[in-house]
PDB file of N, CA and C in Angstrom:
ATOM      1  N   MET A   1      25.539   7.074 -11.211  1.00  0.00           N
ATOM      2  CA  MET A   1      26.865   6.415 -11.261  1.00  0.00           C
ATOM      3  C   MET A   1      27.335   6.723 -12.089  1.00  0.00           C
ATOM      4  N   THR A   2      27.053   7.434 -12.968  1.00  0.00           N
ATOM      5  CA  THR A   2      28.266   8.457 -14.062  1.00  0.00           C
ATOM      6  C   THR A   2      29.647   9.371 -12.801  1.00  0.00           C
ATOM      7  N   GLY A   3      30.968   8.690 -13.227  1.00  0.00           N
ATOM      8  CA  GLY A   3      31.401   9.484 -12.215  1.00  0.00           C
ATOM      9  C   GLY A   3      32.227   8.605 -11.441  1.00  0.00           C
ATOM     10  N   GLU A   4      31.447   7.366 -11.109  1.00  0.00           N
ATOM     11  CA  GLU A   4      32.389   6.729 -10.603  1.00  0.00           C
ATOM     12  C   GLU A   4      33.833   6.234 -10.901  1.00  0.00           C
ATOM     13  N   ASP A   5      33.990   5.278  -9.750  1.00  0.00           N
ATOM     14  CA  ASP A   5      35.656   4.736 -10.217  1.00  0.00           C
ATOM     15  C   ASP A   5      35.025   3.625 -11.047  1.00  0.00           C
ATOM     16  N   PRO A   6      34.964   3.450 -12.298  1.00  0.00           N
ATOM     17  CA  PRO A   6      34.830   1.940 -12.930  1.00  0.00           C
ATOM     18  C   PRO A   6      35.599   0.400 -12.742  1.00  0.00           C
ATOM     19  N   ALA A   7      36.654   0.134 -12.028  1.00  0.00           N
ATOM     20  CA  ALA A   7      36.966  -0.993 -11.203  1.00  0.00           C
ATOM     21  C   ALA A   7      35.227  -0.852 -10.190  1.00  0.00           C
ATOM     22  N   LYS A   8      35.289   0.419  -9.295  1.00  0.00           N
ATOM     23  CA  LYS A   8      34.726  -0.118  -8.139  1.00  0.00           C
ATOM     24  C   LYS A   8      33.217  -0.338  -8.625  1.00  0.00           C
ATOM     25  N   LYS A   9      32.347   0.760  -9.934  1.00  0.00           N
ATOM     26  CA  LYS A   9      31.135  -0.007 -10.595  1.00  0.00           C
ATOM     27  C   LYS A   9      31.186  -1.330 -11.111  1.00  0.00           C
ATOM     28  N   LYS A  10      32.005  -1.337 -11.361  1.00  0.00           N
ATOM     29  CA  LYS A  10      32.201  -3.331 -11.819  1.00  0.00           C
ATOM     30  C   LYS A  10      31.912  -4.088 -10.917  1.00  0.00           C
ATOM     31  N   HIS A  11      32.902  -3.884  -9.591  1.00  0.00           N
ATOM     32  CA  HIS A  11      32.670  -4.477  -8.411  1.00  0.00           C
ATOM     33  C   HIS A  11      31.248  -4.815  -7.569  1.00  0.00           C
ATOM     34  N   GLU A  12      30.599  -3.093  -7.437  1.00  0.00           N
ATOM     35  CA  GLU A  12      29.229  -3.317  -7.635  1.00  0.00           C
ATOM     36  C   GLU A  12      28.426  -4.058  -8.157  1.00  0.00           C
ATOM     37  N   TRP A  13      28.524  -3.992  -9.259  1.00  0.00           N
ATOM     38  CA  TRP A  13      27.036  -4.120 -10.118  1.00  0.00           C
ATOM     39  C   TRP A  13      27.492  -5.920 -10.340  1.00  0.00           C
ATOM     40  N   MET A  14      29.030  -6.645 -10.193  1.00  0.00           N
ATOM     41  CA  MET A  14      28.902  -7.801  -9.879  1.00  0.00           C
ATOM     42  C   MET A  14      28.482  -8.498  -8.737  1.00  0.00           C
ATOM     43  N   ASN A  15      28.353  -8.167  -7.696  1.00  0.00           N
ATOM     44  CA  ASN A  15      27.884  -8.370  -6.098  1.00  0.00           C
ATOM     45  C   ASN A  15      26.135  -8.223  -6.655  1.00  0.00           C
ATOM     46  N   LYS A  16      26.132  -7.601  -7.216  1.00  0.00           N
ATOM     47  CA  LYS A  16      24.702  -7.151  -7.088  1.00  0.00           C
ATOM     48  C   LYS A  16      24.212  -8.300  -8.481  1.00  0.00           C
ATOM     49  N   LEU A  17      24.845  -9.322  -9.452  1.00  0.00           N
ATOM     50  CA  LEU A  17      24.674 -10.139  -9.880  1.00  0.00           C
ATOM     51  C   LEU A  17      24.273 -11.269  -9.046  1.00  0.00           C
ATOM     52  N   LYS A  18      25.359 -11.645  -8.294  1.00  0.00           N
ATOM     53  CA  LYS A  18      25.728 -12.556  -7.405  1.00  0.00           C
ATOM     54  C   LYS A  18      24.301 -12.617  -6.600  1.00  0.00           C
ATOM     55  N   GLU A  19      23.783 -11.772  -5.850  1.00  0.00           N
ATOM     56  CA  GLU A  19      22.857 -11.867  -5.157  1.00  0.00           C
ATOM     57  C   GLU A  19      21.715 -11.838  -5.452  1.00  0.00           C
ATOM     58  N   GLU A  20      21.545 -11.232  -6.536  1.00  0.00           N
ATOM     59  CA  GLU A  20      20.567 -11.529  -7.830  1.00  0.00           C
ATOM     60  C   GLU A  20      20.023 -13.649  -8.206  1.00  0.00           C
ATOM     61  N   GLY A  21      21.133 -13.658  -8.235  1.00  0.00           N
ATOM     62  CA  GLY A  21      21.481 -15.095  -8.568  1.00  0.00           C
ATOM     63  C   GLY A  21      21.776 -15.176  -9.848  1.00  0.00           C
ATOM     64  N   LYS A  22      22.229 -14.295 -11.418  1.00  0.00           N
ATOM     65  CA  LYS A  22      22.328 -13.536 -12.458  1.00  0.00           C
ATOM     66  C   LYS A  22      23.343 -13.717 -12.731  1.00  0.00           C
ATOM     67  N   LEU A  23      24.433 -13.697 -12.026  1.00  0.00           N
ATOM     68  CA  LEU A  23      25.890 -14.008 -12.722  1.00  0.00           C
ATOM     69  C   LEU A  23      25.600 -15.840 -13.569  1.00  0.00           C
ATOM     70  N   LYS A  24      26.431 -16.020 -14.675  1.00  0.00           N
ATOM     71  CA  LYS A  24      26.388 -17.437 -14.859  1.00  0.00           C
ATOM     72  C   LYS A  24      27.521 -17.963 -14.667  1.00  0.00           C
ATOM     73  N   ALA A  25      27.138 -19.466 -14.156  1.00  0.00           N
ATOM     74  CA  ALA A  25      28.554 -19.866 -13.798  1.00  0.00           C
ATOM     75  C   ALA A  25      29.392 -20.425 -14.875  1.00  0.00           C
ATOM     76  N   ASN A  26      29.190 -20.941 -15.631  1.00  0.00           N
ATOM     77  CA  ASN A  26      30.041 -21.514 -17.164  1.00  0.00           C
ATOM     78  C   ASN A  26      30.174 -20.161 -18.036  1.00  0.00           C
ATOM     79  N   PRO A  27      31.218 -19.835 -17.918  1.00  0.00           N
ATOM     80  CA  PRO A  27      32.119 -18.391 -18.724  1.00  0.00           C
ATOM     81  C   PRO A  27      31.648 -18.839 -20.347  1.00  0.00           C
ATOM     82  N   THR A  28      31.984 -20.101 -20.227  1.00  0.00           N
ATOM     83  CA  THR A  28      31.553 -20.409 -22.319  1.00  0.00           C
ATOM     84  C   THR A  28      30.412 -20.446 -22.488  1.00  0.00           C
ATOM     85  N   GLU A  29      29.414 -20.265 -21.532  1.00  0.00           N
ATOM     86  CA  GLU A  29      27.287 -20.493 -21.843  1.00  0.00           C
ATOM     87  C   GLU A  29      27.680 -18.989 -22.292  1.00  0.00           C
ATOM     88  N   ASP A  30      28.130 -18.356 -20.713  1.00  0.00           N
ATOM     89  CA  ASP A  30      28.079 -16.742 -20.769  1.00  0.00           C
ATOM     90  C   ASP A  30      28.684 -16.033 -21.742  1.00  0.00           C
ATOM     91  N   HIS A  31      29.714 -16.452 -22.494  1.00  0.00           N
ATOM     92  CA  HIS A  31      30.482 -16.042 -24.119  1.00  0.00           C
ATOM     93  C   HIS A  31      29.565 -16.048 -24.851  1.00  0.00           C
ATOM     94  N   ALA A  32      29.031 -17.146 -25.357  1.00  0.00           N
ATOM     95  CA  ALA A  32      28.178 -17.737 -26.134  1.00  0.00           C
ATOM     96  C   ALA A  32      26.454 -17.049 -26.432  1.00  0.00           C
ATOM     97  N   ILE A  33      26.327 -16.537 -25.093  1.00  0.00           N
ATOM     98  CA  ILE A  33      24.977 -15.601 -25.034  1.00  0.00           C
ATOM     99  C   ILE A  33      24.966 -14.226 -25.498  1.00  0.00           C
ATOM    100  N   GLY A  34      26.528 -14.347 -25.151  1.00  0.00           N
ATOM    101  CA  GLY A  34      26.981 -12.950 -25.287  1.00  0.00           C
ATOM    102  C   GLY A  34      27.204 -12.904 -26.878  1.00  0.00           C
ATOM    103  N   LEU A  35      27.839 -13.397 -27.577  1.00  0.00           N
ATOM    104  CA  LEU A  35      28.398 -13.060 -29.061  1.00  0.00           C
ATOM    105  C   LEU A  35      26.493 -14.122 -29.786  1.00  0.00           C
ATOM    106  N   ARG A  36      26.151 -14.496 -29.263  1.00  0.00           N
ATOM    107  CA  ARG A  36      24.316 -14.592 -30.329  1.00  0.00           C
ATOM    108  C   ARG A  36      24.027 -12.848 -30.236  1.00  0.00           C
ATOM    109  N   THR A  37      23.740 -12.785 -28.538  1.00  0.00           N
ATOM    110  CA  THR A  37      23.183 -11.443 -28.598  1.00  0.00           C
ATOM    111  C   THR A  37      23.800  -9.876 -29.031  1.00  0.00           C
ATOM    112  N   LEU A  38      24.848 -10.684 -29.687  1.00  0.00           N
ATOM    113  CA  LEU A  38      26.174  -9.420 -30.395  1.00  0.00           C
ATOM    114  C   LEU A  38      25.492  -9.313 -31.315  1.00  0.00           C
ATOM    115  N   GLN A  39      25.226 -10.499 -32.068  1.00  0.00           N
ATOM    116  CA  GLN A  39      25.521 -10.540 -33.367  1.00  0.00           C
ATOM    117  C   GLN A  39      24.697 -10.210 -34.807  1.00  0.00           C
ATOM    118  N   ASN A  40      23.356  -9.229 -33.496  1.00  0.00           N
ATOM    119  CA  ASN A  40      22.226  -8.321 -34.447  1.00  0.00           C
ATOM    120  C   ASN A  40      22.500  -6.833 -34.481  1.00  0.00           C
ATOM    121  N   PRO A  41      22.380  -6.543 -35.553  1.00  0.00           N
ATOM    122  CA  PRO A  41      23.136  -5.116 -35.162  1.00  0.00           C
ATOM    123  C   PRO A  41      22.490  -3.331 -34.831  1.00  0.00           C
ATOM    124  N   THR A  42      20.822  -4.351 -34.957  1.00  0.00           N
ATOM    125  CA  THR A  42      19.675  -3.919 -33.862  1.00  0.00           C
ATOM    126  C   THR A  42      20.490  -3.334 -32.291  1.00  0.00           C
ATOM    127  N   ARG A  43      20.867  -4.035 -31.616  1.00  0.00           N
ATOM    128  CA  ARG A  43      20.449  -4.482 -30.921  1.00  0.00           C
ATOM    129  C   ARG A  43      22.209  -3.303 -29.918  1.00  0.00           C
ATOM    130  N   ARG A  44      23.266  -4.206 -31.129  1.00  0.00           N
ATOM    131  CA  ARG A  44      24.865  -2.856 -30.925  1.00  0.00           C
ATOM    132  C   ARG A  44      24.240  -1.782 -31.118  1.00  0.00           C
ATOM    133  N   LYS A  45      23.430  -1.030 -31.828  1.00  0.00           N
ATOM    134  CA  LYS A  45      22.367   0.783 -31.816  1.00  0.00           C
ATOM    135  C   LYS A  45      21.433   0.720 -30.782  1.00  0.00           C
ATOM    136  N   ILE A  46      21.470  -0.528 -30.558  1.00  0.00           N
ATOM    137  CA  ILE A  46      20.103  -0.074 -29.213  1.00  0.00           C
ATOM    138  C   ILE A  46      21.796   0.755 -27.777  1.00  0.00           C
ATOM    139  N   LEU A  47      22.856  -0.620 -27.761  1.00  0.00           N
ATOM    140  CA  LEU A  47      23.272   0.187 -26.664  1.00  0.00           C
ATOM    141  C   LEU A  47      23.987   1.713 -26.757  1.00  0.00           C
ATOM    142  N   LYS A  48      25.043   1.646 -27.753  1.00  0.00           N
ATOM    143  CA  LYS A  48      24.828   2.806 -28.529  1.00  0.00           C
ATOM    144  C   LYS A  48      23.618   4.236 -28.483  1.00  0.00           C
ATOM    145  N   ALA A  49      22.864   4.021 -28.384  1.00  0.00           N
ATOM    146  CA  ALA A  49      22.006   5.037 -28.207  1.00  0.00           C
ATOM    147  C   ALA A  49      21.406   5.177 -26.924  1.00  0.00           C
ATOM    148  N   LEU A  50      22.060   3.754 -25.771  1.00  0.00           N
ATOM    149  CA  LEU A  50      22.002   3.865 -24.354  1.00  0.00           C
ATOM    150  C   LEU A  50      23.425   4.606 -23.765  1.00  0.00           C
ATOM    151  N   ASN A  51      24.212   4.628 -24.722  1.00  0.00           N
ATOM    152  CA  ASN A  51      24.979   5.597 -23.932  1.00  0.00           C
ATOM    153  C   ASN A  51      25.275   6.626 -23.667  1.00  0.00           C
ATOM    154  N   GLY A  52      25.650   6.791 -22.311  1.00  0.00           N
ATOM    155  CA  GLY A  52      25.416   7.816 -21.906  1.00  0.00           C
ATOM    156  C   GLY A  52      23.650   8.956 -21.269  1.00  0.00           C
ATOM    157  N   SER A  53      22.633   7.758 -21.255  1.00  0.00           N
ATOM    158  CA  SER A  53      21.398   7.638 -20.557  1.00  0.00           C
ATOM    159  C   SER A  53      20.359   6.907 -20.882  1.00  0.00           C
ATOM    160  N   SER A  54      19.912   7.087 -19.950  1.00  0.00           N
ATOM    161  CA  SER A  54      18.568   5.963 -20.341  1.00  0.00           C
ATOM    162  C   SER A  54      17.416   6.669 -20.703  1.00  0.00           C
ATOM    163  N   LEU A  55      16.998   5.618 -21.222  1.00  0.00           N
ATOM    164  CA  LEU A  55      15.655   5.522 -22.267  1.00  0.00           C
ATOM    165  C   LEU A  55      14.884   4.550 -21.712  1.00  0.00           C
ATOM    166  N   SER A  56      13.371   5.227 -22.178  1.00  0.00           N
ATOM    167  CA  SER A  56      12.471   3.574 -22.392  1.00  0.00           C
ATOM    168  C   SER A  56      11.848   2.944 -23.491  1.00  0.00           C
ATOM    169  N   ILE A  57      11.408   2.125 -23.506  1.00  0.00           N
ATOM    170  CA  ILE A  57      11.090   1.125 -24.573  1.00  0.00           C
ATOM    171  C   ILE A  57      11.053   1.957 -25.598  1.00  0.00           C
ATOM    172  N   GLU A  58      10.029   3.374 -25.113  1.00  0.00           N
ATOM    173  CA  GLU A  58       8.830   4.190 -26.487  1.00  0.00           C
ATOM    174  C   GLU A  58       9.962   4.937 -27.002  1.00  0.00           C
ATOM    175  N   GLU A  59      11.184   5.219 -26.179  1.00  0.00           N
ATOM    176  CA  GLU A  59      12.192   6.079 -26.527  1.00  0.00           C
ATOM    177  C   GLU A  59      13.265   5.346 -27.794  1.00  0.00           C
ATOM    178  N   ILE A  60      13.946   4.243 -27.138  1.00  0.00           N
ATOM    179  CA  ILE A  60      14.256   3.966 -27.551  1.00  0.00           C
ATOM    180  C   ILE A  60      13.484   3.090 -29.226  1.00  0.00           C
ATOM    181  N   GLY A  61      12.040   2.480 -29.164  1.00  0.00           N
ATOM    182  CA  GLY A  61      12.196   2.299 -30.264  1.00  0.00           C
ATOM    183  C   GLY A  61      11.809   3.690 -31.389  1.00  0.00           C
ATOM    184  N   ASP A  62      11.546   5.178 -30.698  1.00  0.00           N
ATOM    185  CA  ASP A  62      11.372   5.883 -31.656  1.00  0.00           C
ATOM    186  C   ASP A  62      12.736   6.630 -32.364  1.00  0.00           C
ATOM    187  N   LYS A  63      13.777   6.237 -32.060  1.00  0.00           N
ATOM    188  CA  LYS A  63      15.205   6.204 -32.333  1.00  0.00           C
ATOM    189  C   LYS A  63      15.315   5.891 -33.080  1.00  0.00           C
ATOM    190  N   LEU A  64      14.841   4.143 -33.242  1.00  0.00           N
ATOM    191  CA  LEU A  64      15.358   3.308 -33.945  1.00  0.00           C
ATOM    192  C   LEU A  64      14.462   2.885 -34.853  1.00  0.00           C
ATOM    193  N   ASN A  65      13.512   3.089 -35.010  1.00  0.00           N
ATOM    194  CA  ASN A  65      12.153   3.295 -35.784  1.00  0.00           C
ATOM    195  C   ASN A  65      11.542   1.640 -35.268  1.00  0.00           C
ATOM    196  N   LEU A  66      11.590   1.311 -34.454  1.00  0.00           N
ATOM    197  CA  LEU A  66      10.921  -0.302 -33.337  1.00  0.00           C
ATOM    198  C   LEU A  66       9.651   0.033 -33.420  1.00  0.00           C
ATOM    199  N   SER A  67       8.672  -1.294 -33.157  1.00  0.00           N
ATOM    200  CA  SER A  67       7.726  -1.564 -32.173  1.00  0.00           C
ATOM    201  C   SER A  67       7.613  -1.695 -30.781  1.00  0.00           C
ATOM    202  N   ARG A  68       6.944  -1.565 -30.631  1.00  0.00           N
ATOM    203  CA  ARG A  68       6.840  -1.635 -28.714  1.00  0.00           C
ATOM    204  C   ARG A  68       7.542  -3.141 -28.843  1.00  0.00           C
ATOM    205  N   SER A  69       6.866  -3.872 -29.830  1.00  0.00           N
ATOM    206  CA  SER A  69       7.068  -5.723 -29.102  1.00  0.00           C
ATOM    207  C   SER A  69       8.916  -5.679 -30.025  1.00  0.00           C
ATOM    208  N   GLU A  70       9.466  -5.430 -30.470  1.00  0.00           N
ATOM    209  CA  GLU A  70      10.528  -5.480 -30.964  1.00  0.00           C
ATOM    210  C   GLU A  70      11.467  -4.828 -29.928  1.00  0.00           C
ATOM    211  N   SER A  71      10.806  -3.613 -29.787  1.00  0.00           N
ATOM    212  CA  SER A  71      12.169  -3.336 -28.863  1.00  0.00           C
ATOM    213  C   SER A  71      11.896  -4.111 -27.712  1.00  0.00           C
ATOM    214  N   LYS A  72      10.851  -4.243 -26.786  1.00  0.00           N
ATOM    215  CA  LYS A  72      11.493  -4.985 -26.045  1.00  0.00           C
ATOM    216  C   LYS A  72      11.593  -6.939 -25.907  1.00  0.00           C
ATOM    217  N   PHE A  73      11.535  -7.785 -26.875  1.00  0.00           N
ATOM    218  CA  PHE A  73      12.363  -8.207 -27.075  1.00  0.00           C
ATOM    219  C   PHE A  73      13.827  -7.992 -27.289  1.00  0.00           C
ATOM    220  N   HIS A  74      14.321  -6.894 -28.294  1.00  0.00           N
ATOM    221  CA  HIS A  74      15.697  -7.062 -28.444  1.00  0.00           C
ATOM    222  C   HIS A  74      15.979  -6.524 -27.072  1.00  0.00           C
ATOM    223  N   LEU A  75      16.113  -5.658 -26.236  1.00  0.00           N
ATOM    224  CA  LEU A  75      15.914  -5.207 -24.862  1.00  0.00           C
ATOM    225  C   LEU A  75      16.243  -6.577 -23.875  1.00  0.00           C
ATOM    226  N   ASP A  76      15.185  -6.916 -23.828  1.00  0.00           N
ATOM    227  CA  ASP A  76      15.685  -8.261 -23.186  1.00  0.00           C
ATOM    228  C   ASP A  76      15.948  -9.202 -23.358  1.00  0.00           C
ATOM    229  N   MET A  77      16.807  -9.863 -24.608  1.00  0.00           N
ATOM    230  CA  MET A  77      17.905  -9.938 -25.099  1.00  0.00           C
ATOM    231  C   MET A  77      19.184  -9.584 -24.647  1.00  0.00           C
ATOM    232  N   LEU A  78      19.340  -8.257 -24.680  1.00  0.00           N
ATOM    233  CA  LEU A  78      20.430  -7.499 -23.607  1.00  0.00           C
ATOM    234  C   LEU A  78      20.170  -7.507 -22.728  1.00  0.00           C
ATOM    235  N   GLU A  79      19.597  -7.091 -21.685  1.00  0.00           N
ATOM    236  CA  GLU A  79      19.204  -7.375 -20.044  1.00  0.00           C
ATOM    237  C   GLU A  79      19.561  -8.821 -19.826  1.00  0.00           C
ATOM    238  N   ASN A  80      18.852  -9.944 -20.787  1.00  0.00           N
ATOM    239  CA  ASN A  80      19.647 -11.351 -20.175  1.00  0.00           C
ATOM    240  C   ASN A  80      21.395 -11.564 -20.172  1.00  0.00           C
ATOM    241  N   ALA A  81      21.748 -11.207 -21.008  1.00  0.00           N
ATOM    242  CA  ALA A  81      23.080 -11.109 -21.619  1.00  0.00           C
ATOM    243  C   ALA A  81      24.132 -10.660 -20.666  1.00  0.00           C
ATOM    244  N   LEU A  82      23.633  -9.318 -19.542  1.00  0.00           N
ATOM    245  CA  LEU A  82      23.964  -8.710 -18.963  1.00  0.00           C
ATOM    246  C   LEU A  82      24.637  -7.188 -19.857  1.00  0.00           C
ATOM    247  N   TYR A  83      24.195  -6.737 -21.253  1.00  0.00           N
ATOM    248  CA  TYR A  83      24.602  -5.772 -21.348  1.00  0.00           C
ATOM    249  C   TYR A  83      24.129  -4.583 -21.281  1.00  0.00           C
ATOM    250  N   ILE A  84      22.337  -4.208 -20.411  1.00  0.00           N
ATOM    251  CA  ILE A  84      22.054  -3.290 -20.344  1.00  0.00           C
ATOM    252  C   ILE A  84      20.957  -3.448 -18.553  1.00  0.00           C
ATOM    253  N   ASP A  85      20.526  -2.436 -18.167  1.00  0.00           N
ATOM    254  CA  ASP A  85      20.296  -3.197 -16.369  1.00  0.00           C
ATOM    255  C   ASP A  85      18.642  -1.931 -16.955  1.00  0.00           C
ATOM    256  N   LYS A  86      18.296  -2.510 -16.681  1.00  0.00           N
ATOM    257  CA  LYS A  86      16.815  -1.920 -15.854  1.00  0.00           C
ATOM    258  C   LYS A  86      16.692  -0.998 -14.602  1.00  0.00           C
ATOM    259  N   VAL A  87      16.671   0.597 -14.688  1.00  0.00           N
ATOM    260  CA  VAL A  87      16.538   1.413 -13.711  1.00  0.00           C
ATOM    261  C   VAL A  87      15.973   1.167 -12.540  1.00  0.00           C
ATOM    262  N   LYS A  88      17.051   1.098 -11.195  1.00  0.00           N
ATOM    263  CA  LYS A  88      15.732   0.489 -10.445  1.00  0.00           C
ATOM    264  C   LYS A  88      14.421   1.557 -10.550  1.00  0.00           C
ATOM    265  N   ASP A  89      13.355   1.210 -10.371  1.00  0.00           N
ATOM    266  CA  ASP A  89      12.161   1.886  -9.546  1.00  0.00           C
ATOM    267  C   ASP A  89      11.892   2.963 -10.625  1.00  0.00           C
ATOM    268  N   SER A  90      11.709   2.872 -11.496  1.00  0.00           N
ATOM    269  CA  SER A  90      11.868   3.519 -12.553  1.00  0.00           C
ATOM    270  C   SER A  90      10.354   3.350 -13.363  1.00  0.00           C
ATOM    271  N   GLU A  91       9.529   4.697 -13.454  1.00  0.00           N
ATOM    272  CA  GLU A  91       8.513   4.292 -14.188  1.00  0.00           C
ATOM    273  C   GLU A  91       8.027   5.377 -15.402  1.00  0.00           C
ATOM    274  N   PRO A  92       8.342   5.381 -16.878  1.00  0.00           N
ATOM    275  CA  PRO A  92       7.698   4.254 -17.370  1.00  0.00           C
ATOM    276  C   PRO A  92       9.284   2.764 -16.956  1.00  0.00           C
ATOM    277  N   ALA A  93       9.328   2.244 -17.301  1.00  0.00           N
ATOM    278  CA  ALA A  93      10.769   1.204 -17.052  1.00  0.00           C
ATOM    279  C   ALA A  93      11.839   1.908 -17.543  1.00  0.00           C
ATOM    280  N   MET A  94      12.700   2.220 -17.490  1.00  0.00           N
ATOM    281  CA  MET A  94      14.320   2.822 -17.845  1.00  0.00           C
ATOM    282  C   MET A  94      14.753   1.827 -17.935  1.00  0.00           C
ATOM    283  N   TYR A  95      16.164   2.027 -19.107  1.00  0.00           N
ATOM    284  CA  TYR A  95      17.294   1.208 -19.475  1.00  0.00           C
ATOM    285  C   TYR A  95      18.202   1.621 -19.492  1.00  0.00           C
ATOM    286  N   GLN A  96      19.360   1.701 -19.149  1.00  0.00           N
ATOM    287  CA  GLN A  96      20.425   1.852 -18.887  1.00  0.00           C
ATOM    288  C   GLN A  96      21.945   0.501 -19.505  1.00  0.00           C
ATOM    289  N   LEU A  97      22.449   1.305 -19.468  1.00  0.00           N
ATOM    290  CA  LEU A  97      23.885   0.152 -20.009  1.00  0.00           C
ATOM    291  C   LEU A  97      24.811  -0.037 -18.611  1.00  0.00           C
ATOM    292  N   SER A  98      25.042  -1.143 -18.407  1.00  0.00           N
ATOM    293  CA  SER A  98      25.580  -1.823 -17.424  1.00  0.00           C
ATOM    294  C   SER A  98      26.934  -1.653 -17.786  1.00  0.00           C
ATOM    295  N   PRO A  99      28.274  -2.436 -16.367  1.00  0.00           N
ATOM    296  CA  PRO A  99      29.263  -1.703 -17.067  1.00  0.00           C
ATOM    297  C   PRO A  99      29.669  -2.968 -17.985  1.00  0.00           C
ATOM    298  N   ARG A 100      29.025  -4.128 -17.901  1.00  0.00           N
ATOM    299  CA  ARG A 100      29.627  -4.953 -19.250  1.00  0.00           C
ATOM    300  C   ARG A 100      29.326  -4.447 -20.696  1.00  0.00           C
ATOM    301  N   GLY A 101      28.185  -3.277 -20.895  1.00  0.00           N
ATOM    302  CA  GLY A 101      28.031  -2.589 -21.849  1.00  0.00           C
ATOM    303  C   GLY A 101      28.933  -1.775 -21.743  1.00  0.00           C
ATOM    304  N   GLU A 102      28.983  -1.105 -20.912  1.00  0.00           N
ATOM    305  CA  GLU A 102      29.945  -0.199 -21.071  1.00  0.00           C
ATOM    306  C   GLU A 102      31.209  -0.387 -21.618  1.00  0.00           C
ATOM    307  N   GLY A 103      31.834  -1.333 -21.142  1.00  0.00           N
ATOM    308  CA  GLY A 103      33.190  -1.881 -21.715  1.00  0.00           C
ATOM    309  C   GLY A 103      33.255  -2.369 -23.054  1.00  0.00           C
ATOM    310  N   PHE A 104      31.569  -2.825 -23.585  1.00  0.00           N
ATOM    311  CA  PHE A 104      31.236  -3.469 -24.896  1.00  0.00           C
ATOM    312  C   PHE A 104      31.784  -2.008 -25.461  1.00  0.00           C
ATOM    313  N   LEU A 105      30.915  -1.198 -25.724  1.00  0.00           N
ATOM    314  CA  LEU A 105      31.234  -0.297 -26.380  1.00  0.00           C
ATOM    315  C   LEU A 105      32.800   0.924 -26.372  1.00  0.00           C
ATOM    316  N   ALA A 106      33.586   0.901 -25.307  1.00  0.00           N
ATOM    317  CA  ALA A 106      34.807   1.270 -24.702  1.00  0.00           C
ATOM    318  C   ALA A 106      35.982   0.429 -25.862  1.00  0.00           C
ATOM    319  N   ASN A 107      35.616  -0.358 -25.531  1.00  0.00           N
ATOM    320  CA  ASN A 107      36.931  -1.571 -26.541  1.00  0.00           C
ATOM    321  C   ASN A 107      36.249  -2.264 -27.751  1.00  0.00           C
ATOM    322  N   VAL A 108      34.705  -2.616 -27.912  1.00  0.00           N
ATOM    323  CA  VAL A 108      34.929  -3.104 -29.300  1.00  0.00           C
ATOM    324  C   VAL A 108      34.095  -2.029 -30.600  1.00  0.00           C
ATOM    325  N   GLU A 109      32.940  -1.189 -29.948  1.00  0.00           N
ATOM    326  CA  GLU A 109      32.778  -0.295 -31.126  1.00  0.00           C
ATOM    327  C   GLU A 109      34.222   0.581 -31.548  1.00  0.00           C
ATOM    328  N   GLU A 110      34.596   1.322 -30.367  1.00  0.00           N
ATOM    329  CA  GLU A 110      35.525   2.431 -30.520  1.00  0.00           C
ATOM    330  C   GLU A 110      36.394   1.939 -31.141  1.00  0.00           C
ATOM    331  N   ALA A 111      36.755   0.808 -31.529  1.00  0.00           N
ATOM    332  CA  ALA A 111      38.202   0.371 -32.217  1.00  0.00           C
ATOM    333  C   ALA A 111      37.809  -0.257 -33.352  1.00  0.00           C
ATOM    334  N   LYS A 112      36.360   0.199 -34.404  1.00  0.00           N
ATOM    335  CA  LYS A 112      36.018   0.369 -34.926  1.00  0.00           C
ATOM    336  C   LYS A 112      37.243   0.352 -35.972  1.00  0.00           C
TER     337      LYS A 112
END
């Protein structure tokens, strides 16, 4: 997905979410989930660790000194809030930033 037009990439991602039934109908609920998810500094560190790469649960745990269960918990939260995606057909399961996660890093984290 790297090197793609960001607008095209976002459009394709949004269509995929609609097809999978993952798109939240209520924007207020969606923003509340995102806020709760990103209030945790460990989850923000995971987003930074995924910037520009795909990582497995074990690799994320090693980078951030987290147990497998801690890593899985945080990854599930980030995936539910649509900040990361599981890489399709990867073994072991690999995670990457979604367009929303990329936008957060570009617009929020870099602004600090």
